[in-house]
Amino acid sequence: MRNYETLYILRPDLEEEVTADQVKRLAEVVTAAGGELQEVNTWGKRRMAYEIEGHREGYYVLMKFASDTEVPKELERVLRISEPVLRYIVVREDE
């Protein structure tokens, strides 16, 4: 199993409960696909360096997990089609 780190930015105009549900849903994608969730760190609303889809702020979430190589592919697929996600990146951590 390899260690991965995902940082994604959600739209800032979502209600708190919708944001919490989205964070929980994305964490469940990892566990349902066979990954082991290590940490979910919500950074909250922060100002972005540039405007994305008309938003100057975003709700940042950092998620660390361990899995085989198929889980990040599934997570990226879900992040790509999720309407509230503005940007995301999934990287493998160094050994």
PDB file of N, CA and C in Angstrom:
ATOM      1  N   MET A   1       0.848  -1.187   0.000  1.00  0.00           N
ATOM      2  CA  MET A   1       0.000   0.000   0.000  1.00  0.00           C
ATOM      3  C   MET A   1       0.892   1.248   0.000  1.00  0.00           C
ATOM      4  N   ARG A   2       0.466   2.223  -0.757  1.00  0.00           N
ATOM      5  CA  ARG A   2       1.208   3.478  -0.867  1.00  0.00           C
ATOM      6  C   ARG A   2       0.438   4.587  -0.152  1.00  0.00           C
ATOM      7  N   ASN A   3       1.169   5.605   0.256  1.00  0.00           N
ATOM      8  CA  ASN A   3       0.555   6.755   0.923  1.00  0.00           C
ATOM      9  C   ASN A   3       0.267   7.849  -0.103  1.00  0.00           C
ATOM     10  N   TYR A   4      -0.934   8.399  -0.010  1.00  0.00           N
ATOM     11  CA  TYR A   4      -1.364   9.460  -0.912  1.00  0.00           C
ATOM     12  C   TYR A   4      -1.867  10.659  -0.112  1.00  0.00           C
ATOM     13  N   GLU A   5      -1.832  11.809  -0.786  1.00  0.00           N
ATOM     14  CA  GLU A   5      -2.320  13.044  -0.186  1.00  0.00           C
ATOM     15  C   GLU A   5      -3.185  13.746  -1.237  1.00  0.00           C
ATOM     16  N   THR A   6      -4.349  14.184  -0.817  1.00  0.00           N
ATOM     17  CA  THR A   6      -5.263  14.884  -1.708  1.00  0.00           C
ATOM     18  C   THR A   6      -5.624  16.233  -1.097  1.00  0.00           C
ATOM     19  N   LEU A   7      -5.512  17.260  -1.888  1.00  0.00           N
ATOM     20  CA  LEU A   7      -5.976  18.582  -1.482  1.00  0.00           C
ATOM     21  C   LEU A   7      -7.045  18.989  -2.483  1.00  0.00           C
ATOM     22  N   TYR A   8      -8.221  19.323  -1.971  1.00  0.00           N
ATOM     23  CA  TYR A   8      -9.276  19.796  -2.862  1.00  0.00           C
ATOM     24  C   TYR A   8      -9.926  21.034  -2.293  1.00  0.00           C
ATOM     25  N   ILE A   9     -10.490  21.837  -3.212  1.00  0.00           N
ATOM     26  CA  ILE A   9     -11.109  23.108  -2.856  1.00  0.00           C
ATOM     27  C   ILE A   9     -12.578  23.040  -3.235  1.00  0.00           C
ATOM     28  N   LEU A  10     -13.434  23.286  -2.249  1.00  0.00           N
ATOM     29  CA  LEU A  10     -14.878  23.305  -2.475  1.00  0.00           C
ATOM     30  C   LEU A  10     -15.359  24.744  -2.647  1.00  0.00           C
ATOM     31  N   ARG A  11     -16.498  24.895  -3.302  1.00  0.00           N
ATOM     32  CA  ARG A  11     -17.083  26.227  -3.472  1.00  0.00           C
ATOM     33  C   ARG A  11     -17.371  26.855  -2.104  1.00  0.00           C
ATOM     34  N   PRO A  12     -17.085  28.137  -1.932  1.00  0.00           N
ATOM     35  CA  PRO A  12     -17.278  28.789  -0.633  1.00  0.00           C
ATOM     36  C   PRO A  12     -18.729  29.128  -0.319  1.00  0.00           C
ATOM     37  N   ASP A  13     -19.607  29.112  -1.317  1.00  0.00           N
ATOM     38  CA  ASP A  13     -20.991  29.513  -1.088  1.00  0.00           C
ATOM     39  C   ASP A  13     -21.891  28.357  -0.635  1.00  0.00           C
ATOM     40  N   LEU A  14     -21.309  27.199  -0.356  1.00  0.00           N
ATOM     41  CA  LEU A  14     -22.096  26.064   0.149  1.00  0.00           C
ATOM     42  C   LEU A  14     -22.410  26.263   1.627  1.00  0.00           C
ATOM     43  N   GLU A  15     -23.545  25.729   2.074  1.00  0.00           N
ATOM     44  CA  GLU A  15     -23.868  25.776   3.492  1.00  0.00           C
ATOM     45  C   GLU A  15     -22.946  24.823   4.251  1.00  0.00           C
ATOM     46  N   GLU A  16     -22.796  25.054   5.560  1.00  0.00           N
ATOM     47  CA  GLU A  16     -21.879  24.252   6.370  1.00  0.00           C
ATOM     48  C   GLU A  16     -22.197  22.767   6.326  1.00  0.00           C
ATOM     49  N   GLU A  17     -23.491  22.430   6.413  1.00  0.00           N
ATOM     50  CA  GLU A  17     -23.853  21.017   6.423  1.00  0.00           C
ATOM     51  C   GLU A  17     -23.608  20.364   5.070  1.00  0.00           C
ATOM     52  N   VAL A  18     -23.799  21.102   3.988  1.00  0.00           N
ATOM     53  CA  VAL A  18     -23.523  20.568   2.649  1.00  0.00           C
ATOM     54  C   VAL A  18     -22.022  20.349   2.487  1.00  0.00           C
ATOM     55  N   THR A  19     -21.222  21.289   2.984  1.00  0.00           N
ATOM     56  CA  THR A  19     -19.771  21.146   2.934  1.00  0.00           C
ATOM     57  C   THR A  19     -19.323  19.934   3.739  1.00  0.00           C
ATOM     58  N   ALA A  20     -19.858  19.776   4.951  1.00  0.00           N
ATOM     59  CA  ALA A  20     -19.501  18.634   5.798  1.00  0.00           C
ATOM     60  C   ALA A  20     -19.909  17.317   5.136  1.00  0.00           C
ATOM     61  N   ASP A  21     -21.084  17.297   4.507  1.00  0.00           N
ATOM     62  CA  ASP A  21     -21.537  16.093   3.805  1.00  0.00           C
ATOM     63  C   ASP A  21     -20.613  15.759   2.635  1.00  0.00           C
ATOM     64  N   GLN A  22     -20.170  16.778   1.928  1.00  0.00           N
ATOM     65  CA  GLN A  22     -19.278  16.565   0.786  1.00  0.00           C
ATOM     66  C   GLN A  22     -17.939  16.001   1.250  1.00  0.00           C
ATOM     67  N   VAL A  23     -17.390  16.539   2.356  1.00  0.00           N
ATOM     68  CA  VAL A  23     -16.125  16.040   2.898  1.00  0.00           C
ATOM     69  C   VAL A  23     -16.284  14.585   3.325  1.00  0.00           C
ATOM     70  N   LYS A  24     -17.385  14.293   3.988  1.00  0.00           N
ATOM     71  CA  LYS A  24     -17.651  12.922   4.443  1.00  0.00           C
ATOM     72  C   LYS A  24     -17.816  11.977   3.250  1.00  0.00           C
ATOM     73  N   ARG A  25     -18.520  12.416   2.219  1.00  0.00           N
ATOM     74  CA  ARG A  25     -18.753  11.584   1.033  1.00  0.00           C
ATOM     75  C   ARG A  25     -17.452  11.251   0.321  1.00  0.00           C
ATOM     76  N   LEU A  26     -16.569  12.237   0.210  1.00  0.00           N
ATOM     77  CA  LEU A  26     -15.295  11.994  -0.460  1.00  0.00           C
ATOM     78  C   LEU A  26     -14.379  11.089   0.369  1.00  0.00           C
ATOM     79  N   ALA A  27     -14.465  11.187   1.691  1.00  0.00           N
ATOM     80  CA  ALA A  27     -13.707  10.269   2.550  1.00  0.00           C
ATOM     81  C   ALA A  27     -14.240   8.846   2.412  1.00  0.00           C
ATOM     82  N   GLU A  28     -15.553   8.714   2.253  1.00  0.00           N
ATOM     83  CA  GLU A  28     -16.154   7.394   2.091  1.00  0.00           C
ATOM     84  C   GLU A  28     -15.786   6.756   0.762  1.00  0.00           C
ATOM     85  N   VAL A  29     -15.490   7.562  -0.251  1.00  0.00           N
ATOM     86  CA  VAL A  29     -15.049   7.026  -1.539  1.00  0.00           C
ATOM     87  C   VAL A  29     -13.749   6.242  -1.345  1.00  0.00           C
ATOM     88  N   VAL A  30     -12.855   6.789  -0.541  1.00  0.00           N
ATOM     89  CA  VAL A  30     -11.572   6.131  -0.284  1.00  0.00           C
ATOM     90  C   VAL A  30     -11.779   4.818   0.466  1.00  0.00           C
ATOM     91  N   THR A  31     -12.553   4.854   1.541  1.00  0.00           N
ATOM     92  CA  THR A  31     -12.745   3.644   2.346  1.00  0.00           C
ATOM     93  C   THR A  31     -13.550   2.582   1.605  1.00  0.00           C
ATOM     94  N   ALA A  32     -14.527   2.995   0.805  1.00  0.00           N
ATOM     95  CA  ALA A  32     -15.348   2.040   0.055  1.00  0.00           C
ATOM     96  C   ALA A  32     -14.532   1.339  -1.031  1.00  0.00           C
ATOM     97  N   ALA A  33     -13.532   2.012  -1.556  1.00  0.00           N
ATOM     98  CA  ALA A  33     -12.703   1.433  -2.611  1.00  0.00           C
ATOM     99  C   ALA A  33     -11.560   0.595  -2.052  1.00  0.00           C
ATOM    100  N   GLY A  34     -11.462   0.503  -0.726  1.00  0.00           N
ATOM    101  CA  GLY A  34     -10.436  -0.337  -0.107  1.00  0.00           C
ATOM    102  C   GLY A  34      -9.245   0.414   0.452  1.00  0.00           C
ATOM    103  N   GLY A  35      -9.315   1.728   0.501  1.00  0.00           N
ATOM    104  CA  GLY A  35      -8.225   2.517   1.060  1.00  0.00           C
ATOM    105  C   GLY A  35      -8.365   2.688   2.566  1.00  0.00           C
ATOM    106  N   GLU A  36      -7.290   3.081   3.196  1.00  0.00           N
ATOM    107  CA  GLU A  36      -7.271   3.304   4.643  1.00  0.00           C
ATOM    108  C   GLU A  36      -7.071   4.796   4.896  1.00  0.00           C
ATOM    109  N   LEU A  37      -8.109   5.448   5.412  1.00  0.00           N
ATOM    110  CA  LEU A  37      -8.074   6.882   5.662  1.00  0.00           C
ATOM    111  C   LEU A  37      -7.198   7.162   6.878  1.00  0.00           C
ATOM    112  N   GLN A  38      -6.210   8.046   6.725  1.00  0.00           N
ATOM    113  CA  GLN A  38      -5.297   8.373   7.815  1.00  0.00           C
ATOM    114  C   GLN A  38      -5.640   9.691   8.485  1.00  0.00           C
ATOM    115  N   GLU A  39      -6.049  10.663   7.673  1.00  0.00           N
ATOM    116  CA  GLU A  39      -6.306  11.998   8.235  1.00  0.00           C
ATOM    117  C   GLU A  39      -7.174  12.809   7.276  1.00  0.00           C
ATOM    118  N   VAL A  40      -8.121  13.547   7.823  1.00  0.00           N
ATOM    119  CA  VAL A  40      -8.889  14.527   7.055  1.00  0.00           C
ATOM    120  C   VAL A  40      -8.765  15.838   7.812  1.00  0.00           C
ATOM    121  N   ASN A  41      -8.121  16.802   7.191  1.00  0.00           N
ATOM    122  CA  ASN A  41      -7.832  18.077   7.826  1.00  0.00           C
ATOM    123  C   ASN A  41      -8.536  19.184   7.053  1.00  0.00           C
ATOM    124  N   THR A  42      -9.565  19.772   7.646  1.00  0.00           N
ATOM    125  CA  THR A  42     -10.276  20.866   6.983  1.00  0.00           C
ATOM    126  C   THR A  42      -9.614  22.191   7.354  1.00  0.00           C
ATOM    127  N   TRP A  43      -9.168  22.896   6.345  1.00  0.00           N
ATOM    128  CA  TRP A  43      -8.499  24.177   6.558  1.00  0.00           C
ATOM    129  C   TRP A  43      -9.482  25.327   6.605  1.00  0.00           C
ATOM    130  N   GLY A  44     -10.682  25.127   6.118  1.00  0.00           N
ATOM    131  CA  GLY A  44     -11.687  26.183   6.118  1.00  0.00           C
ATOM    132  C   GLY A  44     -11.565  27.089   4.909  1.00  0.00           C
ATOM    133  N   LYS A  45     -12.267  28.227   4.978  1.00  0.00           N
ATOM    134  CA  LYS A  45     -12.261  29.172   3.861  1.00  0.00           C
ATOM    135  C   LYS A  45     -10.958  29.959   3.843  1.00  0.00           C
ATOM    136  N   ARG A  46     -10.379  30.026   2.642  1.00  0.00           N
ATOM    137  CA  ARG A  46      -9.159  30.797   2.444  1.00  0.00           C
ATOM    138  C   ARG A  46      -9.242  31.532   1.112  1.00  0.00           C
ATOM    139  N   ARG A  47      -8.533  32.618   1.047  1.00  0.00           N
ATOM    140  CA  ARG A  47      -8.485  33.392  -0.193  1.00  0.00           C
ATOM    141  C   ARG A  47      -7.555  32.681  -1.175  1.00  0.00           C
ATOM    142  N   MET A  48      -8.001  32.565  -2.413  1.00  0.00           N
ATOM    143  CA  MET A  48      -7.207  31.902  -3.450  1.00  0.00           C
ATOM    144  C   MET A  48      -6.312  32.910  -4.163  1.00  0.00           C
ATOM    145  N   ALA A  49      -5.279  32.413  -4.803  1.00  0.00           N
ATOM    146  CA  ALA A  49      -4.337  33.282  -5.509  1.00  0.00           C
ATOM    147  C   ALA A  49      -4.983  33.935  -6.726  1.00  0.00           C
ATOM    148  N   TYR A  50      -5.950  33.243  -7.335  1.00  0.00           N
ATOM    149  CA  TYR A  50      -6.647  33.797  -8.491  1.00  0.00           C
ATOM    150  C   TYR A  50      -8.089  33.308  -8.486  1.00  0.00           C
ATOM    151  N   GLU A  51      -8.905  33.958  -9.251  1.00  0.00           N
ATOM    152  CA  GLU A  51     -10.335  33.652  -9.289  1.00  0.00           C
ATOM    153  C   GLU A  51     -10.590  32.369 -10.082  1.00  0.00           C
ATOM    154  N   ILE A  52     -11.436  31.485  -9.514  1.00  0.00           N
ATOM    155  CA  ILE A  52     -11.835  30.249 -10.188  1.00  0.00           C
ATOM    156  C   ILE A  52     -13.358  30.223 -10.237  1.00  0.00           C
ATOM    157  N   GLU A  53     -13.902  30.165 -11.445  1.00  0.00           N
ATOM    158  CA  GLU A  53     -15.349  30.123 -11.650  1.00  0.00           C
ATOM    159  C   GLU A  53     -16.082  31.237 -10.893  1.00  0.00           C
ATOM    160  N   GLY A  54     -15.472  32.412 -10.839  1.00  0.00           N
ATOM    161  CA  GLY A  54     -16.090  33.566 -10.201  1.00  0.00           C
ATOM    162  C   GLY A  54     -15.922  33.636  -8.695  1.00  0.00           C
ATOM    163  N   HIS A  55     -15.148  32.728  -8.114  1.00  0.00           N
ATOM    164  CA  HIS A  55     -14.939  32.711  -6.658  1.00  0.00           C
ATOM    165  C   HIS A  55     -13.515  33.154  -6.323  1.00  0.00           C
ATOM    166  N   ARG A  56     -13.410  34.042  -5.342  1.00  0.00           N
ATOM    167  CA  ARG A  56     -12.094  34.487  -4.852  1.00  0.00           C
ATOM    168  C   ARG A  56     -11.664  33.708  -3.626  1.00  0.00           C
ATOM    169  N   GLU A  57     -12.604  32.990  -2.997  1.00  0.00           N
ATOM    170  CA  GLU A  57     -12.300  32.165  -1.820  1.00  0.00           C
ATOM    171  C   GLU A  57     -12.672  30.725  -2.120  1.00  0.00           C
ATOM    172  N   GLY A  58     -12.153  29.810  -1.294  1.00  0.00           N
ATOM    173  CA  GLY A  58     -12.515  28.406  -1.418  1.00  0.00           C
ATOM    174  C   GLY A  58     -12.390  27.727  -0.073  1.00  0.00           C
ATOM    175  N   TYR A  59     -13.088  26.609   0.085  1.00  0.00           N
ATOM    176  CA  TYR A  59     -13.039  25.822   1.316  1.00  0.00           C
ATOM    177  C   TYR A  59     -12.047  24.682   1.077  1.00  0.00           C
ATOM    178  N   TYR A  60     -10.899  24.744   1.751  1.00  0.00           N
ATOM    179  CA  TYR A  60      -9.799  23.807   1.518  1.00  0.00           C
ATOM    180  C   TYR A  60      -9.898  22.598   2.442  1.00  0.00           C
ATOM    181  N   VAL A  61      -9.626  21.399   1.880  1.00  0.00           N
ATOM    182  CA  VAL A  61      -9.613  20.156   2.651  1.00  0.00           C
ATOM    183  C   VAL A  61      -8.407  19.331   2.219  1.00  0.00           C
ATOM    184  N   LEU A  62      -7.621  18.876   3.205  1.00  0.00           N
ATOM    185  CA  LEU A  62      -6.471  18.011   2.966  1.00  0.00           C
ATOM    186  C   LEU A  62      -6.812  16.625   3.494  1.00  0.00           C
ATOM    187  N   MET A  63      -6.652  15.608   2.657  1.00  0.00           N
ATOM    188  CA  MET A  63      -6.980  14.240   3.049  1.00  0.00           C
ATOM    189  C   MET A  63      -5.784  13.343   2.754  1.00  0.00           C
ATOM    190  N   LYS A  64      -5.358  12.561   3.764  1.00  0.00           N
ATOM    191  CA  LYS A  64      -4.262  11.621   3.597  1.00  0.00           C
ATOM    192  C   LYS A  64      -4.811  10.205   3.738  1.00  0.00           C
ATOM    193  N   PHE A  65      -4.348   9.315   2.872  1.00  0.00           N
ATOM    194  CA  PHE A  65      -4.815   7.935   2.921  1.00  0.00           C
ATOM    195  C   PHE A  65      -3.761   6.989   2.354  1.00  0.00           C
ATOM    196  N   ALA A  66      -3.905   5.714   2.688  1.00  0.00           N
ATOM    197  CA  ALA A  66      -3.036   4.661   2.172  1.00  0.00           C
ATOM    198  C   ALA A  66      -3.900   3.709   1.363  1.00  0.00           C
ATOM    199  N   SER A  67      -3.398   3.309   0.196  1.00  0.00           N
ATOM    200  CA  SER A  67      -4.186   2.427  -0.662  1.00  0.00           C
ATOM    201  C   SER A  67      -3.322   1.857  -1.769  1.00  0.00           C
ATOM    202  N   ASP A  68      -3.948   0.986  -2.575  1.00  0.00           N
ATOM    203  CA  ASP A  68      -3.298   0.538  -3.793  1.00  0.00           C
ATOM    204  C   ASP A  68      -3.514   1.595  -4.878  1.00  0.00           C
ATOM    205  N   THR A  69      -3.080   1.322  -6.091  1.00  0.00           N
ATOM    206  CA  THR A  69      -3.100   2.358  -7.137  1.00  0.00           C
ATOM    207  C   THR A  69      -4.478   2.627  -7.731  1.00  0.00           C
ATOM    208  N   GLU A  70      -5.457   1.778  -7.483  1.00  0.00           N
ATOM    209  CA  GLU A  70      -6.782   1.973  -8.066  1.00  0.00           C
ATOM    210  C   GLU A  70      -7.619   3.018  -7.321  1.00  0.00           C
ATOM    211  N   VAL A  71      -7.398   3.168  -6.029  1.00  0.00           N
ATOM    212  CA  VAL A  71      -8.208   4.096  -5.222  1.00  0.00           C
ATOM    213  C   VAL A  71      -8.018   5.554  -5.660  1.00  0.00           C
ATOM    214  N   PRO A  72      -6.783   6.039  -5.887  1.00  0.00           N
ATOM    215  CA  PRO A  72      -6.645   7.429  -6.354  1.00  0.00           C
ATOM    216  C   PRO A  72      -7.333   7.671  -7.696  1.00  0.00           C
ATOM    217  N   LYS A  73      -7.340   6.682  -8.559  1.00  0.00           N
ATOM    218  CA  LYS A  73      -8.026   6.842  -9.851  1.00  0.00           C
ATOM    219  C   LYS A  73      -9.524   7.027  -9.646  1.00  0.00           C
ATOM    220  N   GLU A  74     -10.101   6.219  -8.759  1.00  0.00           N
ATOM    221  CA  GLU A  74     -11.532   6.341  -8.480  1.00  0.00           C
ATOM    222  C   GLU A  74     -11.837   7.682  -7.800  1.00  0.00           C
ATOM    223  N   LEU A  75     -10.978   8.087  -6.859  1.00  0.00           N
ATOM    224  CA  LEU A  75     -11.176   9.368  -6.173  1.00  0.00           C
ATOM    225  C   LEU A  75     -11.105  10.524  -7.167  1.00  0.00           C
ATOM    226  N   GLU A  76     -10.144  10.492  -8.077  1.00  0.00           N
ATOM    227  CA  GLU A  76     -10.041  11.550  -9.090  1.00  0.00           C
ATOM    228  C   GLU A  76     -11.273  11.581  -9.985  1.00  0.00           C
ATOM    229  N   ARG A  77     -11.799  10.413 -10.329  1.00  0.00           N
ATOM    230  CA  ARG A  77     -13.007  10.358 -11.159  1.00  0.00           C
ATOM    231  C   ARG A  77     -14.173  11.034 -10.447  1.00  0.00           C
ATOM    232  N   VAL A  78     -14.332  10.744  -9.140  1.00  0.00           N
ATOM    233  CA  VAL A  78     -15.425  11.339  -8.364  1.00  0.00           C
ATOM    234  C   VAL A  78     -15.209  12.848  -8.187  1.00  0.00           C
ATOM    235  N   LEU A  79     -13.976  13.252  -7.905  1.00  0.00           N
ATOM    236  CA  LEU A  79     -13.681  14.680  -7.760  1.00  0.00           C
ATOM    237  C   LEU A  79     -13.949  15.435  -9.059  1.00  0.00           C
ATOM    238  N   ARG A  80     -13.614  14.829 -10.184  1.00  0.00           N
ATOM    239  CA  ARG A  80     -13.794  15.478 -11.482  1.00  0.00           C
ATOM    240  C   ARG A  80     -15.265  15.751 -11.784  1.00  0.00           C
ATOM    241  N   ILE A  81     -16.158  14.836 -11.372  1.00  0.00           N
ATOM    242  CA  ILE A  81     -17.570  15.013 -11.702  1.00  0.00           C
ATOM    243  C   ILE A  81     -18.380  15.677 -10.593  1.00  0.00           C
ATOM    244  N   SER A  82     -17.753  15.979  -9.463  1.00  0.00           N
ATOM    245  CA  SER A  82     -18.455  16.619  -8.343  1.00  0.00           C
ATOM    246  C   SER A  82     -18.587  18.115  -8.603  1.00  0.00           C
ATOM    247  N   GLU A  83     -19.808  18.574  -8.618  1.00  0.00           N
ATOM    248  CA  GLU A  83     -20.100  19.981  -8.888  1.00  0.00           C
ATOM    249  C   GLU A  83     -19.469  20.945  -7.865  1.00  0.00           C
ATOM    250  N   PRO A  84     -19.497  20.659  -6.561  1.00  0.00           N
ATOM    251  CA  PRO A  84     -18.954  21.618  -5.586  1.00  0.00           C
ATOM    252  C   PRO A  84     -17.425  21.739  -5.575  1.00  0.00           C
ATOM    253  N   VAL A  85     -16.709  20.826  -6.239  1.00  0.00           N
ATOM    254  CA  VAL A  85     -15.241  20.848  -6.217  1.00  0.00           C
ATOM    255  C   VAL A  85     -14.738  21.792  -7.303  1.00  0.00           C
ATOM    256  N   LEU A  86     -13.974  22.813  -6.865  1.00  0.00           N
ATOM    257  CA  LEU A  86     -13.398  23.769  -7.804  1.00  0.00           C
ATOM    258  C   LEU A  86     -12.089  23.253  -8.386  1.00  0.00           C
ATOM    259  N   ARG A  87     -11.203  22.765  -7.536  1.00  0.00           N
ATOM    260  CA  ARG A  87      -9.895  22.236  -7.942  1.00  0.00           C
ATOM    261  C   ARG A  87      -9.515  21.099  -7.004  1.00  0.00           C
ATOM    262  N   TYR A  88      -8.637  20.223  -7.500  1.00  0.00           N
ATOM    263  CA  TYR A  88      -8.138  19.120  -6.670  1.00  0.00           C
ATOM    264  C   TYR A  88      -6.780  18.677  -7.192  1.00  0.00           C
ATOM    265  N   ILE A  89      -6.034  18.003  -6.324  1.00  0.00           N
ATOM    266  CA  ILE A  89      -4.782  17.370  -6.719  1.00  0.00           C
ATOM    267  C   ILE A  89      -4.588  16.150  -5.822  1.00  0.00           C
ATOM    268  N   VAL A  90      -4.165  15.057  -6.437  1.00  0.00           N
ATOM    269  CA  VAL A  90      -3.875  13.819  -5.717  1.00  0.00           C
ATOM    270  C   VAL A  90      -2.415  13.485  -6.014  1.00  0.00           C
ATOM    271  N   VAL A  91      -1.603  13.365  -4.965  1.00  0.00           N
ATOM    272  CA  VAL A  91      -0.180  13.043  -5.152  1.00  0.00           C
ATOM    273  C   VAL A  91       0.212  11.879  -4.245  1.00  0.00           C
ATOM    274  N   ARG A  92       1.196  11.119  -4.696  1.00  0.00           N
ATOM    275  CA  ARG A  92       1.739  10.044  -3.888  1.00  0.00           C
ATOM    276  C   ARG A  92       2.854  10.611  -3.027  1.00  0.00           C
ATOM    277  N   GLU A  93       2.822  10.315  -1.736  1.00  0.00           N
ATOM    278  CA  GLU A  93       3.863  10.808  -0.833  1.00  0.00           C
ATOM    279  C   GLU A  93       5.119   9.984  -0.997  1.00  0.00           C
ATOM    280  N   ASP A  94       6.271  10.577  -0.732  1.00  0.00           N
ATOM    281  CA  ASP A  94       7.537   9.861  -0.792  1.00  0.00           C
ATOM    282  C   ASP A  94       7.604   8.809   0.302  1.00  0.00           C
ATOM    283  N   GLU A  95       8.358   7.784   0.009  1.00  0.00           N
ATOM    284  CA  GLU A  95       8.509   6.694   0.986  1.00  0.00           C
ATOM    285  C   GLU A  95       9.301   7.128   2.191  1.00  0.00           C
TER     286      GLU A  95
END
